[in-house]
Amino acid sequence: MAKTSRRPLLGGLAGLLASPGLARPALAQGSAAARPVTIIVPFAPGGSTDVVSRLMAERMTASLGQPVQVENRPGGNTIVGAEYVARARPDGQTLLMAAGTTLTINPVIQPNLPYAVEDFAPVMLATTFPFGIITRLEGGPVDVPAWVAAARARPGQMTYGTNGPTTLTNVAMLMVLERLGITMQDVTYRGDSVQLSAFLAGDIDMLIVAGGTAQPVHRNRQGRMIAWTSGRRVESTPEVPSIAEFAPGLEVLSWFGLLAPARTPAELVQRLNAAANQALQDPRLRERLVTEGQFLAGGTPQDFSEFLRRSDAQWRPILSRLNVPRN
């Protein structure tokens, strides 16, 4: 198990936040201006993480005065991309767009994880987001009470798709099923697009996916979204209830956030943080993310560091109780 709590998450970045406010990023100077900043996305192209990263990269390019590009390095439940950034030079040129799986799930369930939380310098928490629970439009449960009734009538027989038993989507569904007192069978697919194809073909009964996949399915009447795994309703779909309306207090959120390699100089982290925060203020970006079913975050590196600490404290006991498979 990776050690995630003994050393400060910000490593050698003490004093990073000594200056009040968020400074506007200075233009890159010298040879650094000619070199692009690369955001590593540890997922295949086309998913929610990829979309958020490309939207951020476009706006950060304008703020920094140097190119910001996205590179996909999928594999190993985000481990491939995360390890690459953890081992990269701490020069501010390589960033990771991490997701909840990267630093929430993997450090608990992966005993030989090739990176630890302290291998990264938090830059900025970009968004948090719930997952959409979707049933078939024809013949599927029309709401959460009907879903519970159907699952209890066929215990363990209804199916739902995930990207793997150790992914946050599956953990989210396990938490929901536990609170609702029902059981289902998970079926693993390689990516949301494959999972969606199986759902549309009638091979599985339900989906649990992030907003980038859930919203189009809902809008295009390819399926019925019966709940978000959030504590409140999502702005872009006010007609869809939150799971907390049926299981008070239940909320399962993932997140996207930018991290740099540990030992990245404080002034570079601050510069990247300011550019990322400025990107989040872009009205078009904000509209797109809200449409994707995401809650905008932002803030300082220290805010992100504290978020990671709270997330670890929340998820470790949950993962132990649910007996999520250790790899």
C-alpha atoms as a PDB file:
ATOM      1  CA  MET A   1       0.000   0.000   0.000  1.00  0.00           C
ATOM      2  CA  ALA A   2       1.371   3.388  -0.875  1.00  0.00           C
ATOM      3  CA  LYS A   3       2.170   5.624   2.063  1.00  0.00           C
ATOM      4  CA  THR A   4      -0.099   8.607   1.716  1.00  0.00           C
ATOM      5  CA  SER A   5      -0.272  10.229   5.121  1.00  0.00           C
ATOM      6  CA  ARG A   6       3.170  10.417   6.715  1.00  0.00           C
ATOM      7  CA  ARG A   7       4.676  13.238   4.701  1.00  0.00           C
ATOM      8  CA  PRO A   8       3.103  16.539   3.687  1.00  0.00           C
ATOM      9  CA  LEU A   9       1.475  16.434   0.296  1.00  0.00           C
ATOM     10  CA  LEU A  10       3.165  19.609  -0.765  1.00  0.00           C
ATOM     11  CA  GLY A  11       6.645  18.291  -0.019  1.00  0.00           C
ATOM     12  CA  GLY A  12       9.142  21.065  -0.337  1.00  0.00           C
ATOM     13  CA  LEU A  13       6.545  23.700  -1.201  1.00  0.00           C
ATOM     14  CA  ALA A  14       6.261  25.188   2.266  1.00  0.00           C
ATOM     15  CA  GLY A  15       5.717  28.895   1.986  1.00  0.00           C
ATOM     16  CA  LEU A  16       4.090  28.593  -1.420  1.00  0.00           C
ATOM     17  CA  LEU A  17       1.015  30.411  -0.220  1.00  0.00           C
ATOM     18  CA  ALA A  18       2.766  33.160   1.685  1.00  0.00           C
ATOM     19  CA  SER A  19       1.805  35.762  -0.900  1.00  0.00           C
ATOM     20  CA  PRO A  20      -1.880  36.727  -0.656  1.00  0.00           C
ATOM     21  CA  GLY A  21      -4.204  36.172  -3.570  1.00  0.00           C
ATOM     22  CA  LEU A  22      -3.616  34.568  -6.904  1.00  0.00           C
ATOM     23  CA  ALA A  23      -0.971  36.337  -8.937  1.00  0.00           C
ATOM     24  CA  ARG A  24      -1.590  36.728 -12.645  1.00  0.00           C
ATOM     25  CA  PRO A  25       0.812  34.356 -14.419  1.00  0.00           C
ATOM     26  CA  ALA A  26       3.792  36.080 -15.945  1.00  0.00           C
ATOM     27  CA  LEU A  27       4.616  35.384 -19.550  1.00  0.00           C
ATOM     28  CA  ALA A  28       7.122  32.621 -20.055  1.00  0.00           C
ATOM     29  CA  GLN A  29      10.627  33.856 -20.683  1.00  0.00           C
ATOM     30  CA  GLY A  30      13.636  32.571 -22.518  1.00  0.00           C
ATOM     31  CA  SER A  31      13.778  29.028 -23.814  1.00  0.00           C
ATOM     32  CA  ALA A  32      10.896  27.888 -21.594  1.00  0.00           C
ATOM     33  CA  ALA A  33       8.489  29.926 -23.704  1.00  0.00           C
ATOM     34  CA  ALA A  34       9.241  27.771 -26.735  1.00  0.00           C
ATOM     35  CA  ARG A  35       8.644  24.504 -24.907  1.00  0.00           C
ATOM     36  CA  PRO A  36       5.053  23.372 -24.437  1.00  0.00           C
ATOM     37  CA  VAL A  37       3.561  22.484 -21.102  1.00  0.00           C
ATOM     38  CA  THR A  38       2.177  18.969 -21.442  1.00  0.00           C
ATOM     39  CA  ILE A  39      -0.870  17.790 -19.483  1.00  0.00           C
ATOM     40  CA  ILE A  40      -0.769  14.016 -19.209  1.00  0.00           C
ATOM     41  CA  VAL A  41      -4.220  12.432 -19.252  1.00  0.00           C
ATOM     42  CA  PRO A  42      -4.091   8.882 -17.846  1.00  0.00           C
ATOM     43  CA  PHE A  43      -7.150   7.822 -19.870  1.00  0.00           C
ATOM     44  CA  ALA A  44      -7.906   7.170 -23.527  1.00  0.00           C
ATOM     45  CA  PRO A  45      -9.033  10.123 -25.669  1.00  0.00           C
ATOM     46  CA  GLY A  46     -12.660  11.170 -25.629  1.00  0.00           C
ATOM     47  CA  GLY A  47     -13.559  10.643 -21.981  1.00  0.00           C
ATOM     48  CA  SER A  48     -14.449  13.281 -19.393  1.00  0.00           C
ATOM     49  CA  THR A  49     -10.859  13.665 -18.180  1.00  0.00           C
ATOM     50  CA  ASP A  50      -9.659  14.223 -21.723  1.00  0.00           C
ATOM     51  CA  VAL A  51     -12.383  16.792 -22.426  1.00  0.00           C
ATOM     52  CA  VAL A  52     -11.656  18.785 -19.258  1.00  0.00           C
ATOM     53  CA  SER A  53      -7.913  18.709 -19.940  1.00  0.00           C
ATOM     54  CA  ARG A  54      -8.247  19.986 -23.501  1.00  0.00           C
ATOM     55  CA  LEU A  55     -10.574  22.770 -22.457  1.00  0.00           C
ATOM     56  CA  MET A  56      -8.153  23.801 -19.721  1.00  0.00           C
ATOM     57  CA  ALA A  57      -5.130  23.543 -22.028  1.00  0.00           C
ATOM     58  CA  GLU A  58      -6.652  25.907 -24.580  1.00  0.00           C
ATOM     59  CA  ARG A  59      -7.329  28.603 -21.981  1.00  0.00           C
ATOM     60  CA  MET A  60      -4.011  28.113 -20.161  1.00  0.00           C
ATOM     61  CA  THR A  61      -2.121  28.583 -23.427  1.00  0.00           C
ATOM     62  CA  ALA A  62      -3.437  32.131 -23.636  1.00  0.00           C
ATOM     63  CA  SER A  63      -2.671  32.846 -19.961  1.00  0.00           C
ATOM     64  CA  LEU A  64       0.856  31.469 -19.934  1.00  0.00           C
ATOM     65  CA  GLY A  65       1.939  32.757 -23.316  1.00  0.00           C
ATOM     66  CA  GLN A  66       3.293  29.337 -24.256  1.00  0.00           C
ATOM     67  CA  PRO A  67       1.695  26.223 -25.722  1.00  0.00           C
ATOM     68  CA  VAL A  68      -0.178  23.874 -23.417  1.00  0.00           C
ATOM     69  CA  GLN A  69      -0.885  20.494 -24.984  1.00  0.00           C
ATOM     70  CA  VAL A  70      -2.559  17.255 -23.925  1.00  0.00           C
ATOM     71  CA  GLU A  71      -1.008  13.813 -24.195  1.00  0.00           C
ATOM     72  CA  ASN A  72      -2.983  10.642 -23.451  1.00  0.00           C
ATOM     73  CA  ARG A  73      -1.130   7.887 -21.586  1.00  0.00           C
ATOM     74  CA  PRO A  74      -3.849   5.405 -20.606  1.00  0.00           C
ATOM     75  CA  GLY A  75      -3.346   2.101 -18.858  1.00  0.00           C
ATOM     76  CA  GLY A  76      -3.265   0.365 -15.502  1.00  0.00           C
ATOM     77  CA  ASN A  77      -6.234   2.171 -13.980  1.00  0.00           C
ATOM     78  CA  THR A  78      -4.421   5.534 -14.492  1.00  0.00           C
ATOM     79  CA  ILE A  79      -1.137   4.164 -13.121  1.00  0.00           C
ATOM     80  CA  VAL A  80       0.799   4.453 -16.399  1.00  0.00           C
ATOM     81  CA  GLY A  81       0.199   8.173 -16.793  1.00  0.00           C
ATOM     82  CA  ALA A  82       0.582   8.963 -13.101  1.00  0.00           C
ATOM     83  CA  GLU A  83       3.923   7.174 -12.818  1.00  0.00           C
ATOM     84  CA  TYR A  84       5.185   9.006 -15.901  1.00  0.00           C
ATOM     85  CA  VAL A  85       4.487  12.391 -14.308  1.00  0.00           C
ATOM     86  CA  ALA A  86       5.824  11.325 -10.916  1.00  0.00           C
ATOM     87  CA  ARG A  87       9.170  10.543 -12.600  1.00  0.00           C
ATOM     88  CA  ALA A  88       9.204  13.625 -14.865  1.00  0.00           C
ATOM     89  CA  ARG A  89      11.588  16.543 -14.389  1.00  0.00           C
ATOM     90  CA  PRO A  90      10.167  19.033 -11.851  1.00  0.00           C
ATOM     91  CA  ASP A  91      10.459  21.954 -14.251  1.00  0.00           C
ATOM     92  CA  GLY A  92       6.805  22.927 -14.660  1.00  0.00           C
ATOM     93  CA  GLN A  93       6.620  21.460 -18.164  1.00  0.00           C
ATOM     94  CA  THR A  94       4.788  18.218 -17.301  1.00  0.00           C
ATOM     95  CA  LEU A  95       1.490  18.048 -15.439  1.00  0.00           C
ATOM     96  CA  LEU A  96      -0.982  15.297 -14.598  1.00  0.00           C
ATOM     97  CA  MET A  97      -4.731  15.679 -14.848  1.00  0.00           C
ATOM     98  CA  ALA A  98      -5.479  13.210 -12.094  1.00  0.00           C
ATOM     99  CA  ALA A  99      -8.877  11.752 -11.311  1.00  0.00           C
ATOM    100  CA  GLY A 100     -10.300  10.290  -8.138  1.00  0.00           C
ATOM    101  CA  THR A 101      -9.068   6.839  -9.112  1.00  0.00           C
ATOM    102  CA  THR A 102      -5.456   8.044  -9.275  1.00  0.00           C
ATOM    103  CA  LEU A 103      -5.042   9.294  -5.709  1.00  0.00           C
ATOM    104  CA  THR A 104      -8.225   8.125  -3.976  1.00  0.00           C
ATOM    105  CA  ILE A 105      -8.612   4.480  -4.989  1.00  0.00           C
ATOM    106  CA  ASN A 106      -5.206   3.296  -6.189  1.00  0.00           C
ATOM    107  CA  PRO A 107      -3.190   4.163  -3.048  1.00  0.00           C
ATOM    108  CA  VAL A 108      -5.540   1.969  -1.020  1.00  0.00           C
ATOM    109  CA  ILE A 109      -6.057  -1.052  -3.278  1.00  0.00           C
ATOM    110  CA  GLN A 110      -2.680  -1.248  -5.046  1.00  0.00           C
ATOM    111  CA  PRO A 111      -0.057  -2.709  -2.644  1.00  0.00           C
ATOM    112  CA  ASN A 112       2.818  -2.206  -5.110  1.00  0.00           C
ATOM    113  CA  LEU A 113       1.810   1.158  -6.541  1.00  0.00           C
ATOM    114  CA  PRO A 114       4.811   2.685  -8.354  1.00  0.00           C
ATOM    115  CA  TYR A 115       3.996   6.179  -7.081  1.00  0.00           C
ATOM    116  CA  ALA A 116       2.800   7.771  -3.855  1.00  0.00           C
ATOM    117  CA  VAL A 117       0.783  10.901  -3.160  1.00  0.00           C
ATOM    118  CA  GLU A 118       3.902  12.683  -1.989  1.00  0.00           C
ATOM    119  CA  ASP A 119       5.460  12.207  -5.444  1.00  0.00           C
ATOM    120  CA  PHE A 120       3.243  15.068  -6.645  1.00  0.00           C
ATOM    121  CA  ALA A 121       2.872  18.778  -5.979  1.00  0.00           C
ATOM    122  CA  PRO A 122      -0.819  19.757  -6.040  1.00  0.00           C
ATOM    123  CA  VAL A 123      -1.489  22.618  -8.452  1.00  0.00           C
ATOM    124  CA  MET A 124      -5.265  23.077  -8.534  1.00  0.00           C
ATOM    125  CA  LEU A 125      -8.457  21.110  -7.996  1.00  0.00           C
ATOM    126  CA  ALA A 126     -10.416  21.724 -11.208  1.00  0.00           C
ATOM    127  CA  THR A 127     -13.810  20.091 -10.645  1.00  0.00           C
ATOM    128  CA  THR A 128     -15.738  17.563  -8.631  1.00  0.00           C
ATOM    129  CA  PHE A 129     -18.513  15.543 -10.190  1.00  0.00           C
ATOM    130  CA  PRO A 130     -21.071  12.800  -9.544  1.00  0.00           C
ATOM    131  CA  PHE A 131     -21.925   9.807 -11.702  1.00  0.00           C
ATOM    132  CA  GLY A 132     -25.188   9.342 -13.550  1.00  0.00           C
ATOM    133  CA  ILE A 133     -27.199   6.148 -12.951  1.00  0.00           C
ATOM    134  CA  ILE A 134     -28.998   5.218 -16.168  1.00  0.00           C
ATOM    135  CA  THR A 135     -31.599   2.570 -16.937  1.00  0.00           C
ATOM    136  CA  ARG A 136     -33.045   1.394 -20.235  1.00  0.00           C
ATOM    137  CA  LEU A 137     -35.633   3.667 -21.727  1.00  0.00           C
ATOM    138  CA  GLU A 138     -37.854   0.746 -22.703  1.00  0.00           C
ATOM    139  CA  GLY A 139     -38.596  -1.747 -19.965  1.00  0.00           C
ATOM    140  CA  GLY A 140     -36.149  -0.371 -17.411  1.00  0.00           C
ATOM    141  CA  PRO A 141     -37.027   1.050 -13.971  1.00  0.00           C
ATOM    142  CA  VAL A 142     -38.484   4.549 -14.296  1.00  0.00           C
ATOM    143  CA  ASP A 143     -37.106   5.835 -10.989  1.00  0.00           C
ATOM    144  CA  VAL A 144     -35.057   4.804  -7.972  1.00  0.00           C
ATOM    145  CA  PRO A 145     -37.962   3.145  -6.039  1.00  0.00           C
ATOM    146  CA  ALA A 146     -38.816   1.089  -9.131  1.00  0.00           C
ATOM    147  CA  TRP A 147     -35.135   0.143  -9.489  1.00  0.00           C
ATOM    148  CA  VAL A 148     -34.991  -1.028  -5.885  1.00  0.00           C
ATOM    149  CA  ALA A 149     -38.135  -3.093  -6.360  1.00  0.00           C
ATOM    150  CA  ALA A 150     -36.819  -4.683  -9.569  1.00  0.00           C
ATOM    151  CA  ALA A 151     -33.446  -5.517  -8.027  1.00  0.00           C
ATOM    152  CA  ARG A 152     -35.047  -7.072  -4.946  1.00  0.00           C
ATOM    153  CA  ALA A 153     -37.261  -9.186  -7.189  1.00  0.00           C
ATOM    154  CA  ARG A 154     -34.147 -10.489  -8.994  1.00  0.00           C
ATOM    155  CA  PRO A 155     -31.363 -10.346  -6.397  1.00  0.00           C
ATOM    156  CA  GLY A 156     -27.929 -10.361  -7.998  1.00  0.00           C
ATOM    157  CA  GLN A 157     -29.317 -10.837 -11.515  1.00  0.00           C
ATOM    158  CA  MET A 158     -29.579  -7.288 -12.843  1.00  0.00           C
ATOM    159  CA  THR A 159     -26.355  -6.056 -14.440  1.00  0.00           C
ATOM    160  CA  TYR A 160     -24.508  -2.769 -14.715  1.00  0.00           C
ATOM    161  CA  GLY A 161     -21.394  -1.801 -16.650  1.00  0.00           C
ATOM    162  CA  THR A 162     -18.180  -0.377 -15.237  1.00  0.00           C
ATOM    163  CA  ASN A 163     -14.597   0.097 -16.374  1.00  0.00           C
ATOM    164  CA  GLY A 164     -13.366  -2.441 -13.827  1.00  0.00           C
ATOM    165  CA  PRO A 165     -14.013  -3.629 -10.258  1.00  0.00           C
ATOM    166  CA  THR A 166     -11.421  -1.254  -8.784  1.00  0.00           C
ATOM    167  CA  THR A 167     -12.559   1.881 -10.631  1.00  0.00           C
ATOM    168  CA  LEU A 168     -14.392   4.657  -8.878  1.00  0.00           C
ATOM    169  CA  THR A 169     -17.536   4.088 -10.938  1.00  0.00           C
ATOM    170  CA  ASN A 170     -17.836   0.579  -9.560  1.00  0.00           C
ATOM    171  CA  VAL A 171     -17.033   1.703  -6.014  1.00  0.00           C
ATOM    172  CA  ALA A 172     -19.684   4.395  -6.363  1.00  0.00           C
ATOM    173  CA  MET A 173     -22.277   1.835  -7.440  1.00  0.00           C
ATOM    174  CA  LEU A 174     -21.283  -0.503  -4.609  1.00  0.00           C
ATOM    175  CA  MET A 175     -21.868   2.322  -2.118  1.00  0.00           C
ATOM    176  CA  VAL A 176     -25.268   3.094  -3.633  1.00  0.00           C
ATOM    177  CA  LEU A 177     -26.306  -0.559  -3.701  1.00  0.00           C
ATOM    178  CA  GLU A 178     -25.249  -0.986  -0.067  1.00  0.00           C
ATOM    179  CA  ARG A 179     -27.341   1.964   1.082  1.00  0.00           C
ATOM    180  CA  LEU A 180     -30.357   0.890  -0.959  1.00  0.00           C
ATOM    181  CA  GLY A 181     -30.090  -2.690   0.282  1.00  0.00           C
ATOM    182  CA  ILE A 182     -29.897  -4.347  -3.135  1.00  0.00           C
ATOM    183  CA  THR A 183     -27.384  -6.408  -5.106  1.00  0.00           C
ATOM    184  CA  MET A 184     -26.425  -6.392  -8.794  1.00  0.00           C
ATOM    185  CA  GLN A 185     -23.757  -7.931 -10.993  1.00  0.00           C
ATOM    186  CA  ASP A 186     -21.044  -5.708 -12.437  1.00  0.00           C
ATOM    187  CA  VAL A 187     -19.761  -6.303 -15.970  1.00  0.00           C
ATOM    188  CA  THR A 188     -16.380  -4.873 -16.956  1.00  0.00           C
ATOM    189  CA  TYR A 189     -15.731  -3.040 -20.216  1.00  0.00           C
ATOM    190  CA  ARG A 190     -12.685  -1.211 -21.579  1.00  0.00           C
ATOM    191  CA  GLY A 191     -13.885   2.354 -21.534  1.00  0.00           C
ATOM    192  CA  ASP A 192     -17.184   4.217 -21.453  1.00  0.00           C
ATOM    193  CA  SER A 193     -17.746   3.972 -25.207  1.00  0.00           C
ATOM    194  CA  VAL A 194     -17.619   0.167 -25.167  1.00  0.00           C
ATOM    195  CA  GLN A 195     -19.800   0.078 -22.094  1.00  0.00           C
ATOM    196  CA  LEU A 196     -22.319   2.396 -23.744  1.00  0.00           C
ATOM    197  CA  SER A 197     -22.431   0.232 -26.872  1.00  0.00           C
ATOM    198  CA  ALA A 198     -23.197  -2.810 -24.725  1.00  0.00           C
ATOM    199  CA  PHE A 199     -25.956  -0.908 -22.932  1.00  0.00           C
ATOM    200  CA  LEU A 200     -27.542   0.270 -26.183  1.00  0.00           C
ATOM    201  CA  ALA A 201     -27.365  -3.292 -27.518  1.00  0.00           C
ATOM    202  CA  GLY A 202     -29.290  -4.528 -24.476  1.00  0.00           C
ATOM    203  CA  ASP A 203     -26.386  -6.548 -23.055  1.00  0.00           C
ATOM    204  CA  ILE A 204     -26.563  -4.875 -19.635  1.00  0.00           C
ATOM    205  CA  ASP A 205     -29.414  -3.392 -17.640  1.00  0.00           C
ATOM    206  CA  MET A 206     -27.836  -0.191 -16.342  1.00  0.00           C
ATOM    207  CA  LEU A 207     -24.961   2.246 -16.647  1.00  0.00           C
ATOM    208  CA  ILE A 208     -23.088   4.301 -14.070  1.00  0.00           C
ATOM    209  CA  VAL A 209     -20.944   6.855 -15.875  1.00  0.00           C
ATOM    210  CA  ALA A 210     -19.590  10.382 -15.543  1.00  0.00           C
ATOM    211  CA  GLY A 211     -21.518  13.310 -16.969  1.00  0.00           C
ATOM    212  CA  GLY A 212     -19.616  13.455 -20.245  1.00  0.00           C
ATOM    213  CA  THR A 213     -21.207  10.127 -21.167  1.00  0.00           C
ATOM    214  CA  ALA A 214     -24.357  10.311 -19.057  1.00  0.00           C
ATOM    215  CA  GLN A 215     -25.630  13.662 -20.295  1.00  0.00           C
ATOM    216  CA  PRO A 216     -25.806  12.818 -24.035  1.00  0.00           C
ATOM    217  CA  VAL A 217     -27.490   9.491 -23.272  1.00  0.00           C
ATOM    218  CA  HIS A 218     -30.078  11.329 -21.206  1.00  0.00           C
ATOM    219  CA  ARG A 219     -30.578  14.221 -23.645  1.00  0.00           C
ATOM    220  CA  ASN A 220     -30.795  11.970 -26.708  1.00  0.00           C
ATOM    221  CA  ARG A 221     -33.304   9.636 -25.054  1.00  0.00           C
ATOM    222  CA  GLN A 222     -30.986   6.639 -25.353  1.00  0.00           C
ATOM    223  CA  GLY A 223     -31.555   5.838 -21.708  1.00  0.00           C
ATOM    224  CA  ARG A 224     -33.247   7.205 -18.594  1.00  0.00           C
ATOM    225  CA  MET A 225     -31.104   8.856 -15.945  1.00  0.00           C
ATOM    226  CA  ILE A 226     -32.803   8.097 -12.633  1.00  0.00           C
ATOM    227  CA  ALA A 227     -30.286   9.714 -10.288  1.00  0.00           C
ATOM    228  CA  TRP A 228     -26.945  11.420  -9.855  1.00  0.00           C
ATOM    229  CA  THR A 229     -24.658  10.109  -7.112  1.00  0.00           C
ATOM    230  CA  SER A 230     -24.532  13.586  -5.591  1.00  0.00           C
ATOM    231  CA  GLY A 231     -25.883  15.256  -2.500  1.00  0.00           C
ATOM    232  CA  ARG A 232     -27.668  17.890  -4.594  1.00  0.00           C
ATOM    233  CA  ARG A 233     -29.184  18.117  -8.038  1.00  0.00           C
ATOM    234  CA  VAL A 234     -26.984  18.977 -10.998  1.00  0.00           C
ATOM    235  CA  GLU A 235     -27.649  22.383 -12.553  1.00  0.00           C
ATOM    236  CA  SER A 236     -27.857  21.144 -16.139  1.00  0.00           C
ATOM    237  CA  THR A 237     -30.438  18.435 -15.334  1.00  0.00           C
ATOM    238  CA  PRO A 238     -32.750  19.854 -12.658  1.00  0.00           C
ATOM    239  CA  GLU A 239     -35.308  17.144 -13.421  1.00  0.00           C
ATOM    240  CA  VAL A 240     -32.951  14.346 -12.325  1.00  0.00           C
ATOM    241  CA  PRO A 241     -32.899  13.705  -8.557  1.00  0.00           C
ATOM    242  CA  SER A 242     -29.795  13.207  -6.475  1.00  0.00           C
ATOM    243  CA  ILE A 243     -29.265   9.861  -4.777  1.00  0.00           C
ATOM    244  CA  ALA A 244     -29.336  11.698  -1.431  1.00  0.00           C
ATOM    245  CA  GLU A 245     -33.051  12.250  -1.965  1.00  0.00           C
ATOM    246  CA  PHE A 246     -33.520   8.495  -1.506  1.00  0.00           C
ATOM    247  CA  ALA A 247     -30.570   7.778   0.792  1.00  0.00           C
ATOM    248  CA  PRO A 248     -30.048  10.881   2.960  1.00  0.00           C
ATOM    249  CA  GLY A 249     -26.428  11.827   3.433  1.00  0.00           C
ATOM    250  CA  LEU A 250     -25.141   9.667   0.594  1.00  0.00           C
ATOM    251  CA  GLU A 251     -22.876  11.421  -1.877  1.00  0.00           C
ATOM    252  CA  VAL A 252     -20.241   9.864  -4.149  1.00  0.00           C
ATOM    253  CA  LEU A 253     -18.114  12.328  -6.081  1.00  0.00           C
ATOM    254  CA  SER A 254     -14.980  11.988  -8.132  1.00  0.00           C
ATOM    255  CA  TRP A 255     -12.726  14.872  -9.130  1.00  0.00           C
ATOM    256  CA  PHE A 256     -10.224  16.188 -11.648  1.00  0.00           C
ATOM    257  CA  GLY A 257      -7.139  18.077 -10.572  1.00  0.00           C
ATOM    258  CA  LEU A 258      -3.777  19.224 -11.878  1.00  0.00           C
ATOM    259  CA  LEU A 259      -0.570  18.018 -10.246  1.00  0.00           C
ATOM    260  CA  ALA A 260       3.097  18.580 -11.004  1.00  0.00           C
ATOM    261  CA  PRO A 261       6.032  16.351 -10.029  1.00  0.00           C
ATOM    262  CA  ALA A 262       7.183  16.808  -6.450  1.00  0.00           C
ATOM    263  CA  ARG A 263      10.028  19.307  -5.988  1.00  0.00           C
ATOM    264  CA  THR A 264       8.646  21.559  -8.697  1.00  0.00           C
ATOM    265  CA  PRO A 265       9.725  25.060  -7.606  1.00  0.00           C
ATOM    266  CA  ALA A 266       7.094  27.012  -5.718  1.00  0.00           C
ATOM    267  CA  GLU A 267       7.077  29.894  -8.161  1.00  0.00           C
ATOM    268  CA  LEU A 268       6.306  27.531 -11.058  1.00  0.00           C
ATOM    269  CA  VAL A 269       3.496  25.845  -9.141  1.00  0.00           C
ATOM    270  CA  GLN A 270       2.045  29.258  -8.313  1.00  0.00           C
ATOM    271  CA  ARG A 271       2.295  30.362 -11.954  1.00  0.00           C
ATOM    272  CA  LEU A 272       0.511  27.226 -13.172  1.00  0.00           C
ATOM    273  CA  ASN A 273      -2.107  27.562 -10.447  1.00  0.00           C
ATOM    274  CA  ALA A 274      -2.875  31.143 -11.461  1.00  0.00           C
ATOM    275  CA  ALA A 275      -3.214  30.162 -15.134  1.00  0.00           C
ATOM    276  CA  ALA A 276      -5.496  27.231 -14.268  1.00  0.00           C
ATOM    277  CA  ASN A 277      -7.700  29.408 -12.062  1.00  0.00           C
ATOM    278  CA  GLN A 278      -7.929  31.998 -14.793  1.00  0.00           C
ATOM    279  CA  ALA A 279      -8.949  29.290 -17.256  1.00  0.00           C
ATOM    280  CA  LEU A 280     -11.814  28.250 -14.992  1.00  0.00           C
ATOM    281  CA  GLN A 281     -13.204  31.784 -15.161  1.00  0.00           C
ATOM    282  CA  ASP A 282     -13.717  31.569 -18.920  1.00  0.00           C
ATOM    283  CA  PRO A 283     -17.514  31.679 -19.489  1.00  0.00           C
ATOM    284  CA  ARG A 284     -17.404  29.160 -22.335  1.00  0.00           C
ATOM    285  CA  LEU A 285     -15.351  26.734 -20.286  1.00  0.00           C
ATOM    286  CA  ARG A 286     -17.625  27.110 -17.290  1.00  0.00           C
ATOM    287  CA  GLU A 287     -20.719  26.531 -19.443  1.00  0.00           C
ATOM    288  CA  ARG A 288     -19.210  23.400 -20.967  1.00  0.00           C
ATOM    289  CA  LEU A 289     -18.212  21.932 -17.606  1.00  0.00           C
ATOM    290  CA  VAL A 290     -21.617  22.636 -16.080  1.00  0.00           C
ATOM    291  CA  THR A 291     -23.223  20.964 -19.093  1.00  0.00           C
ATOM    292  CA  GLU A 292     -20.960  17.972 -18.427  1.00  0.00           C
ATOM    293  CA  GLY A 293     -22.498  17.717 -14.939  1.00  0.00           C
ATOM    294  CA  GLN A 294     -19.460  19.004 -13.082  1.00  0.00           C
ATOM    295  CA  PHE A 295     -19.102  21.280 -10.069  1.00  0.00           C
ATOM    296  CA  LEU A 296     -16.380  23.893 -10.591  1.00  0.00           C
ATOM    297  CA  ALA A 297     -13.689  24.086  -7.927  1.00  0.00           C
ATOM    298  CA  GLY A 298     -10.458  26.070  -8.340  1.00  0.00           C
ATOM    299  CA  GLY A 299      -8.478  27.579  -5.468  1.00  0.00           C
ATOM    300  CA  THR A 300      -4.930  27.376  -4.194  1.00  0.00           C
ATOM    301  CA  PRO A 301      -2.472  24.476  -4.146  1.00  0.00           C
ATOM    302  CA  GLN A 302      -3.016  24.278  -0.393  1.00  0.00           C
ATOM    303  CA  ASP A 303      -6.778  23.977  -0.937  1.00  0.00           C
ATOM    304  CA  PHE A 304      -6.131  20.994  -3.219  1.00  0.00           C
ATOM    305  CA  SER A 305      -3.721  19.478  -0.711  1.00  0.00           C
ATOM    306  CA  GLU A 306      -6.317  19.682   2.045  1.00  0.00           C
ATOM    307  CA  PHE A 307      -8.938  18.210  -0.286  1.00  0.00           C
ATOM    308  CA  LEU A 308      -6.680  15.202  -0.921  1.00  0.00           C
ATOM    309  CA  ARG A 309      -6.189  14.678   2.807  1.00  0.00           C
ATOM    310  CA  ARG A 310      -9.930  14.771   3.445  1.00  0.00           C
ATOM    311  CA  SER A 311     -10.581  12.470   0.501  1.00  0.00           C
ATOM    312  CA  ASP A 312      -8.102   9.912   1.800  1.00  0.00           C
ATOM    313  CA  ALA A 313      -9.663   9.995   5.261  1.00  0.00           C
ATOM    314  CA  GLN A 314     -13.131   9.513   3.748  1.00  0.00           C
ATOM    315  CA  TRP A 315     -12.382   6.729   1.303  1.00  0.00           C
ATOM    316  CA  ARG A 316     -10.013   4.398   3.183  1.00  0.00           C
ATOM    317  CA  PRO A 317     -12.644   3.064   5.617  1.00  0.00           C
ATOM    318  CA  ILE A 318     -15.241   2.853   2.840  1.00  0.00           C
ATOM    319  CA  LEU A 319     -12.969   0.794   0.604  1.00  0.00           C
ATOM    320  CA  SER A 320     -12.135  -1.539   3.486  1.00  0.00           C
ATOM    321  CA  ARG A 321     -15.796  -2.035   4.349  1.00  0.00           C
ATOM    322  CA  LEU A 322     -16.835  -2.718   0.772  1.00  0.00           C
ATOM    323  CA  ASN A 323     -14.039  -5.262   0.248  1.00  0.00           C
ATOM    324  CA  VAL A 324     -13.001  -3.743  -3.069  1.00  0.00           C
ATOM    325  CA  PRO A 325     -10.519  -6.169  -4.708  1.00  0.00           C
ATOM    326  CA  ARG A 326      -6.838  -5.500  -4.048  1.00  0.00           C
ATOM    327  CA  ASN A 327      -4.669  -5.814  -7.121  1.00  0.00           C
END
